[in-house]
PDB file of N, CA and C in Angstrom:
ATOM      1  N   MET A   1       0.842  -1.183   0.000  1.00  0.00           N
ATOM      2  CA  MET A   1       0.000   0.000   0.000  1.00  0.00           C
ATOM      3  C   MET A   1       0.885   1.244   0.000  1.00  0.00           C
ATOM      4  N   SER A   2       0.546   2.206  -0.806  1.00  0.00           N
ATOM      5  CA  SER A   2       1.325   3.437  -0.932  1.00  0.00           C
ATOM      6  C   SER A   2       0.763   4.532  -0.043  1.00  0.00           C
ATOM      7  N   THR A   3       1.641   5.413   0.363  1.00  0.00           N
ATOM      8  CA  THR A   3       1.246   6.575   1.148  1.00  0.00           C
ATOM      9  C   THR A   3       1.466   7.818   0.306  1.00  0.00           C
ATOM     10  N   LEU A   4       0.497   8.685   0.280  1.00  0.00           N
ATOM     11  CA  LEU A   4       0.603   9.933  -0.466  1.00  0.00           C
ATOM     12  C   LEU A   4       1.071  11.030   0.475  1.00  0.00           C
ATOM     13  N   ILE A   5       2.150  11.688   0.087  1.00  0.00           N
ATOM     14  CA  ILE A   5       2.681  12.800   0.877  1.00  0.00           C
ATOM     15  C   ILE A   5       2.653  14.037  -0.008  1.00  0.00           C
ATOM     16  N   GLU A   6       2.080  15.105   0.513  1.00  0.00           N
ATOM     17  CA  GLU A   6       2.002  16.359  -0.224  1.00  0.00           C
ATOM     18  C   GLU A   6       2.735  17.439   0.543  1.00  0.00           C
ATOM     19  N   ASP A   7       3.519  18.241  -0.167  1.00  0.00           N
ATOM     20  CA  ASP A   7       4.246  19.338   0.463  1.00  0.00           C
ATOM     21  C   ASP A   7       4.557  20.371  -0.612  1.00  0.00           C
ATOM     22  N   ASP A   8       4.844  21.587  -0.193  1.00  0.00           N
ATOM     23  CA  ASP A   8       5.178  22.654  -1.134  1.00  0.00           C
ATOM     24  C   ASP A   8       6.675  22.679  -1.395  1.00  0.00           C
ATOM     25  N   SER A   9       7.019  23.032  -2.604  1.00  0.00           N
ATOM     26  CA  SER A   9       8.411  23.155  -3.009  1.00  0.00           C
ATOM     27  C   SER A   9       8.624  24.579  -3.509  1.00  0.00           C
ATOM     28  N   THR A  10       9.865  25.030  -3.479  1.00  0.00           N
ATOM     29  CA  THR A  10      10.164  26.376  -3.974  1.00  0.00           C
ATOM     30  C   THR A  10      11.097  26.295  -5.175  1.00  0.00           C
ATOM     31  N   LEU A  11      11.141  27.377  -5.915  1.00  0.00           N
ATOM     32  CA  LEU A  11      12.004  27.483  -7.080  1.00  0.00           C
ATOM     33  C   LEU A  11      13.069  28.526  -6.775  1.00  0.00           C
ATOM     34  N   THR A  12      14.329  28.172  -6.994  1.00  0.00           N
ATOM     35  CA  THR A  12      15.424  29.091  -6.695  1.00  0.00           C
ATOM     36  C   THR A  12      15.605  30.095  -7.832  1.00  0.00           C
ATOM     37  N   ASP A  13      16.494  31.042  -7.618  1.00  0.00           N
ATOM     38  CA  ASP A  13      16.790  32.038  -8.651  1.00  0.00           C
ATOM     39  C   ASP A  13      17.355  31.398  -9.916  1.00  0.00           C
ATOM     40  N   ARG A  14      17.951  30.224  -9.765  1.00  0.00           N
ATOM     41  CA  ARG A  14      18.526  29.511 -10.912  1.00  0.00           C
ATOM     42  C   ARG A  14      17.537  28.505 -11.503  1.00  0.00           C
ATOM     43  N   TYR A  15      16.265  28.629 -11.130  1.00  0.00           N
ATOM     44  CA  TYR A  15      15.196  27.755 -11.625  1.00  0.00           C
ATOM     45  C   TYR A  15      15.415  26.294 -11.241  1.00  0.00           C
ATOM     46  N   GLN A  16      15.968  26.067 -10.065  1.00  0.00           N
ATOM     47  CA  GLN A  16      16.095  24.714  -9.526  1.00  0.00           C
ATOM     48  C   GLN A  16      15.053  24.560  -8.430  1.00  0.00           C
ATOM     49  N   THR A  17      14.498  23.372  -8.334  1.00  0.00           N
ATOM     50  CA  THR A  17      13.492  23.135  -7.304  1.00  0.00           C
ATOM     51  C   THR A  17      14.149  22.591  -6.042  1.00  0.00           C
ATOM     52  N   THR A  18      13.536  22.867  -4.920  1.00  0.00           N
ATOM     53  CA  THR A  18      14.023  22.328  -3.654  1.00  0.00           C
ATOM     54  C   THR A  18      13.100  21.193  -3.228  1.00  0.00           C
ATOM     55  N   VAL A  19      13.673  20.169  -2.624  1.00  0.00           N
ATOM     56  CA  VAL A  19      12.887  19.044  -2.127  1.00  0.00           C
ATOM     57  C   VAL A  19      12.673  19.268  -0.637  1.00  0.00           C
ATOM     58  N   PRO A  20      11.428  19.398  -0.208  1.00  0.00           N
ATOM     59  CA  PRO A  20      11.152  19.654   1.204  1.00  0.00           C
ATOM     60  C   PRO A  20      11.701  18.544   2.110  1.00  0.00           C
ATOM     61  N   ALA A  21      12.032  18.906   3.344  1.00  0.00           N
ATOM     62  CA  ALA A  21      12.628  17.968   4.301  1.00  0.00           C
ATOM     63  C   ALA A  21      11.738  16.752   4.528  1.00  0.00           C
ATOM     64  N   SER A  22      10.431  16.943   4.591  1.00  0.00           N
ATOM     65  CA  SER A  22       9.532  15.808   4.832  1.00  0.00           C
ATOM     66  C   SER A  22       9.599  14.788   3.697  1.00  0.00           C
ATOM     67  N   ILE A  23       9.768  15.267   2.465  1.00  0.00           N
ATOM     68  CA  ILE A  23       9.876  14.369   1.313  1.00  0.00           C
ATOM     69  C   ILE A  23      11.228  13.660   1.331  1.00  0.00           C
ATOM     70  N   ARG A  24      12.301  14.411   1.632  1.00  0.00           N
ATOM     71  CA  ARG A  24      13.634  13.793   1.729  1.00  0.00           C
ATOM     72  C   ARG A  24      13.651  12.681   2.769  1.00  0.00           C
ATOM     73  N   ARG A  25      13.012  12.923   3.919  1.00  0.00           N
ATOM     74  CA  ARG A  25      12.958  11.895   4.972  1.00  0.00           C
ATOM     75  C   ARG A  25      12.169  10.676   4.501  1.00  0.00           C
ATOM     76  N   ALA A  26      11.035  10.900   3.851  1.00  0.00           N
ATOM     77  CA  ALA A  26      10.193   9.793   3.390  1.00  0.00           C
ATOM     78  C   ALA A  26      10.915   8.934   2.352  1.00  0.00           C
ATOM     79  N   LEU A  27      11.709   9.578   1.499  1.00  0.00           N
ATOM     80  CA  LEU A  27      12.444   8.851   0.458  1.00  0.00           C
ATOM     81  C   LEU A  27      13.832   8.419   0.917  1.00  0.00           C
ATOM     82  N   LYS A  28      14.175   8.773   2.149  1.00  0.00           N
ATOM     83  CA  LYS A  28      15.487   8.452   2.737  1.00  0.00           C
ATOM     84  C   LYS A  28      16.627   8.989   1.875  1.00  0.00           C
ATOM     85  N   LEU A  29      16.467  10.239   1.432  1.00  0.00           N
ATOM     86  CA  LEU A  29      17.495  10.903   0.632  1.00  0.00           C
ATOM     87  C   LEU A  29      18.461  11.631   1.550  1.00  0.00           C
ATOM     88  N   LYS A  30      19.713  11.688   1.132  1.00  0.00           N
ATOM     89  CA  LYS A  30      20.722  12.420   1.890  1.00  0.00           C
ATOM     90  C   LYS A  30      21.292  13.516   1.009  1.00  0.00           C
ATOM     91  N   ARG A  31      21.947  14.458   1.634  1.00  0.00           N
ATOM     92  CA  ARG A  31      22.569  15.535   0.862  1.00  0.00           C
ATOM     93  C   ARG A  31      23.769  15.006   0.105  1.00  0.00           C
ATOM     94  N   ARG A  32      24.088  15.677  -1.000  1.00  0.00           N
ATOM     95  CA  ARG A  32      25.224  15.262  -1.825  1.00  0.00           C
ATOM     96  C   ARG A  32      26.516  15.670  -1.211  1.00  0.00           C
TER      97      ARG A  32
END
């Protein structure tokens, strides 16, 4: 069963998107 997580993201001056902390935690992503 899948869980749906919704959160807002922002766009930087260089047109890059940011991944919110809650999404990074859910996907177990770490910083580069």
